[in-house]
Amino acid sequence: MNLQRQVGLNVRRLRLSRKMPQEHLAFDAKMSLKYLSGIECGKCNPSLKKLGAIAAVFKVSAAELFVPVSERDIPKRLPRGKNVHHQGRKAKKRKRG
């Protein structure tokens, strides 16, 4: 497994264990949501400064982000809230007459 993917899995594991949405982590670590998502997916290569910011939010050492972890040890996702019932619905097209 490559190092980018390992860091991403650890960020996701720490975030989900604290039941923190990506938006909150991105805001606290002063990065964009798209960049954080790329880190968690293993597509973006985070700088040491950004890794330090993420570790500071979780109050762990930066070395903990490099600890080997399996994908099976990570929960799939956070439970959905009540206000997201509209997600996933197809937009209805209006007929013009």
C-alpha atoms as a PDB file:
ATOM      1  CA  MET A   1       0.000   0.000   0.000  1.00  0.00           C
ATOM      2  CA  ASN A   2       1.341   3.429  -0.854  1.00  0.00           C
ATOM      3  CA  LEU A   3       2.039   6.093   1.736  1.00  0.00           C
ATOM      4  CA  GLN A   4      -0.544   8.570   0.418  1.00  0.00           C
ATOM      5  CA  ARG A   5      -3.299   5.989   0.816  1.00  0.00           C
ATOM      6  CA  GLN A   6      -2.063   5.066   4.306  1.00  0.00           C
ATOM      7  CA  VAL A   7      -2.167   8.693   5.462  1.00  0.00           C
ATOM      8  CA  GLY A   8      -5.636   9.088   3.954  1.00  0.00           C
ATOM      9  CA  LEU A   9      -6.932   6.007   5.749  1.00  0.00           C
ATOM     10  CA  ASN A  10      -5.559   7.261   9.062  1.00  0.00           C
ATOM     11  CA  VAL A  11      -7.102  10.707   8.618  1.00  0.00           C
ATOM     12  CA  ARG A  12     -10.454   9.088   7.833  1.00  0.00           C
ATOM     13  CA  ARG A  13     -10.137   6.673  10.772  1.00  0.00           C
ATOM     14  CA  LEU A  14      -9.377   9.478  13.219  1.00  0.00           C
ATOM     15  CA  ARG A  15     -12.130  11.690  11.829  1.00  0.00           C
ATOM     16  CA  LEU A  16     -14.808   8.989  11.961  1.00  0.00           C
ATOM     17  CA  SER A  17     -13.750   7.805  15.425  1.00  0.00           C
ATOM     18  CA  ARG A  18     -14.451  11.332  16.679  1.00  0.00           C
ATOM     19  CA  LYS A  19     -17.687  11.546  14.637  1.00  0.00           C
ATOM     20  CA  MET A  20     -16.428  14.681  12.923  1.00  0.00           C
ATOM     21  CA  PRO A  21     -17.740  15.676   9.484  1.00  0.00           C
ATOM     22  CA  GLN A  22     -15.233  16.505   6.768  1.00  0.00           C
ATOM     23  CA  GLU A  23     -16.435  20.116   6.750  1.00  0.00           C
ATOM     24  CA  HIS A  24     -15.434  20.621  10.388  1.00  0.00           C
ATOM     25  CA  LEU A  25     -12.006  19.066   9.928  1.00  0.00           C
ATOM     26  CA  ALA A  26     -11.354  21.095   6.780  1.00  0.00           C
ATOM     27  CA  PHE A  27     -12.359  24.321   8.539  1.00  0.00           C
ATOM     28  CA  ASP A  28     -10.301  23.604  11.667  1.00  0.00           C
ATOM     29  CA  ALA A  29      -7.227  22.574   9.633  1.00  0.00           C
ATOM     30  CA  LYS A  30      -7.638  25.632   7.345  1.00  0.00           C
ATOM     31  CA  MET A  31      -7.886  23.732   4.064  1.00  0.00           C
ATOM     32  CA  SER A  32     -10.503  23.267   1.398  1.00  0.00           C
ATOM     33  CA  LEU A  33     -13.013  20.453   1.607  1.00  0.00           C
ATOM     34  CA  LYS A  34     -11.960  19.217  -1.837  1.00  0.00           C
ATOM     35  CA  TYR A  35      -8.310  19.017  -0.752  1.00  0.00           C
ATOM     36  CA  LEU A  36      -9.218  17.128   2.438  1.00  0.00           C
ATOM     37  CA  SER A  37     -11.368  14.722   0.453  1.00  0.00           C
ATOM     38  CA  GLY A  38      -8.443  14.117  -1.897  1.00  0.00           C
ATOM     39  CA  ILE A  39      -6.180  13.368   1.058  1.00  0.00           C
ATOM     40  CA  GLU A  40      -8.663  10.847   2.495  1.00  0.00           C
ATOM     41  CA  CYS A  41      -9.029   9.140  -0.889  1.00  0.00           C
ATOM     42  CA  GLY A  42      -5.254   8.943  -1.317  1.00  0.00           C
ATOM     43  CA  LYS A  43      -5.290  11.140  -4.438  1.00  0.00           C
ATOM     44  CA  CYS A  44      -3.633  14.258  -2.979  1.00  0.00           C
ATOM     45  CA  ASN A  45      -0.160  14.365  -1.530  1.00  0.00           C
ATOM     46  CA  PRO A  46      -0.432  16.572   1.577  1.00  0.00           C
ATOM     47  CA  SER A  47       2.433  18.813   2.628  1.00  0.00           C
ATOM     48  CA  LEU A  48       4.053  18.439   6.030  1.00  0.00           C
ATOM     49  CA  LYS A  49       2.427  21.715   7.063  1.00  0.00           C
ATOM     50  CA  LYS A  50      -1.048  20.354   6.264  1.00  0.00           C
ATOM     51  CA  LEU A  51      -0.303  17.049   8.011  1.00  0.00           C
ATOM     52  CA  GLY A  52       0.776  19.019  11.067  1.00  0.00           C
ATOM     53  CA  ALA A  53      -2.471  21.004  10.962  1.00  0.00           C
ATOM     54  CA  ILE A  54      -4.558  17.820  10.742  1.00  0.00           C
ATOM     55  CA  ALA A  55      -2.602  16.212  13.601  1.00  0.00           C
ATOM     56  CA  ALA A  56      -3.085  19.356  15.705  1.00  0.00           C
ATOM     57  CA  VAL A  57      -6.858  19.237  15.189  1.00  0.00           C
ATOM     58  CA  PHE A  58      -6.928  15.609  16.369  1.00  0.00           C
ATOM     59  CA  LYS A  59      -4.385  16.329  19.151  1.00  0.00           C
ATOM     60  CA  VAL A  60      -2.135  13.455  18.056  1.00  0.00           C
ATOM     61  CA  SER A  61       1.441  13.342  16.825  1.00  0.00           C
ATOM     62  CA  ALA A  62       2.027  13.592  13.085  1.00  0.00           C
ATOM     63  CA  ALA A  63       3.652  10.149  13.233  1.00  0.00           C
ATOM     64  CA  GLU A  64       0.275   8.601  14.058  1.00  0.00           C
ATOM     65  CA  LEU A  65      -0.913   9.545  10.568  1.00  0.00           C
ATOM     66  CA  PHE A  66       1.657   7.120   9.112  1.00  0.00           C
ATOM     67  CA  VAL A  67       0.753   4.064  11.227  1.00  0.00           C
ATOM     68  CA  PRO A  68      -0.296   1.107   9.029  1.00  0.00           C
ATOM     69  CA  VAL A  69      -4.039   0.509   9.129  1.00  0.00           C
ATOM     70  CA  SER A  70      -6.349  -1.751   7.167  1.00  0.00           C
ATOM     71  CA  GLU A  71      -9.432  -0.514   5.315  1.00  0.00           C
ATOM     72  CA  ARG A  72     -11.483  -3.075   7.259  1.00  0.00           C
ATOM     73  CA  ASP A  73     -10.735  -1.195  10.504  1.00  0.00           C
ATOM     74  CA  ILE A  74     -12.410   1.984   9.263  1.00  0.00           C
ATOM     75  CA  PRO A  75     -16.164   2.565   9.517  1.00  0.00           C
ATOM     76  CA  LYS A  76     -17.846   3.224   6.187  1.00  0.00           C
ATOM     77  CA  ARG A  77     -19.467   6.585   6.931  1.00  0.00           C
ATOM     78  CA  LEU A  78     -21.207   8.688   9.518  1.00  0.00           C
ATOM     79  CA  PRO A  79     -24.963   8.300   9.943  1.00  0.00           C
ATOM     80  CA  ARG A  80     -26.984  10.770   7.920  1.00  0.00           C
ATOM     81  CA  GLY A  81     -28.776  13.589   9.653  1.00  0.00           C
ATOM     82  CA  LYS A  82     -32.450  14.476   9.433  1.00  0.00           C
ATOM     83  CA  ASN A  83     -31.883  17.480   7.190  1.00  0.00           C
ATOM     84  CA  VAL A  84     -30.390  15.565   4.262  1.00  0.00           C
ATOM     85  CA  HIS A  85     -33.533  13.735   3.165  1.00  0.00           C
ATOM     86  CA  HIS A  86     -33.496  15.519  -0.174  1.00  0.00           C
ATOM     87  CA  GLN A  87     -30.111  14.188  -1.264  1.00  0.00           C
ATOM     88  CA  GLY A  88     -30.220  11.542  -3.925  1.00  0.00           C
ATOM     89  CA  ARG A  89     -33.510  12.594  -5.440  1.00  0.00           C
ATOM     90  CA  LYS A  90     -33.559  13.324  -9.116  1.00  0.00           C
ATOM     91  CA  ALA A  91     -34.427  16.854 -10.095  1.00  0.00           C
ATOM     92  CA  LYS A  92     -37.819  17.069 -11.730  1.00  0.00           C
ATOM     93  CA  LYS A  93     -37.930  18.754 -15.092  1.00  0.00           C
ATOM     94  CA  ARG A  94     -40.797  21.079 -15.755  1.00  0.00           C
ATOM     95  CA  LYS A  95     -42.573  20.898 -19.042  1.00  0.00           C
ATOM     96  CA  ARG A  96     -42.951  24.147 -20.847  1.00  0.00           C
ATOM     97  CA  GLY A  97     -46.273  24.613 -22.515  1.00  0.00           C
END
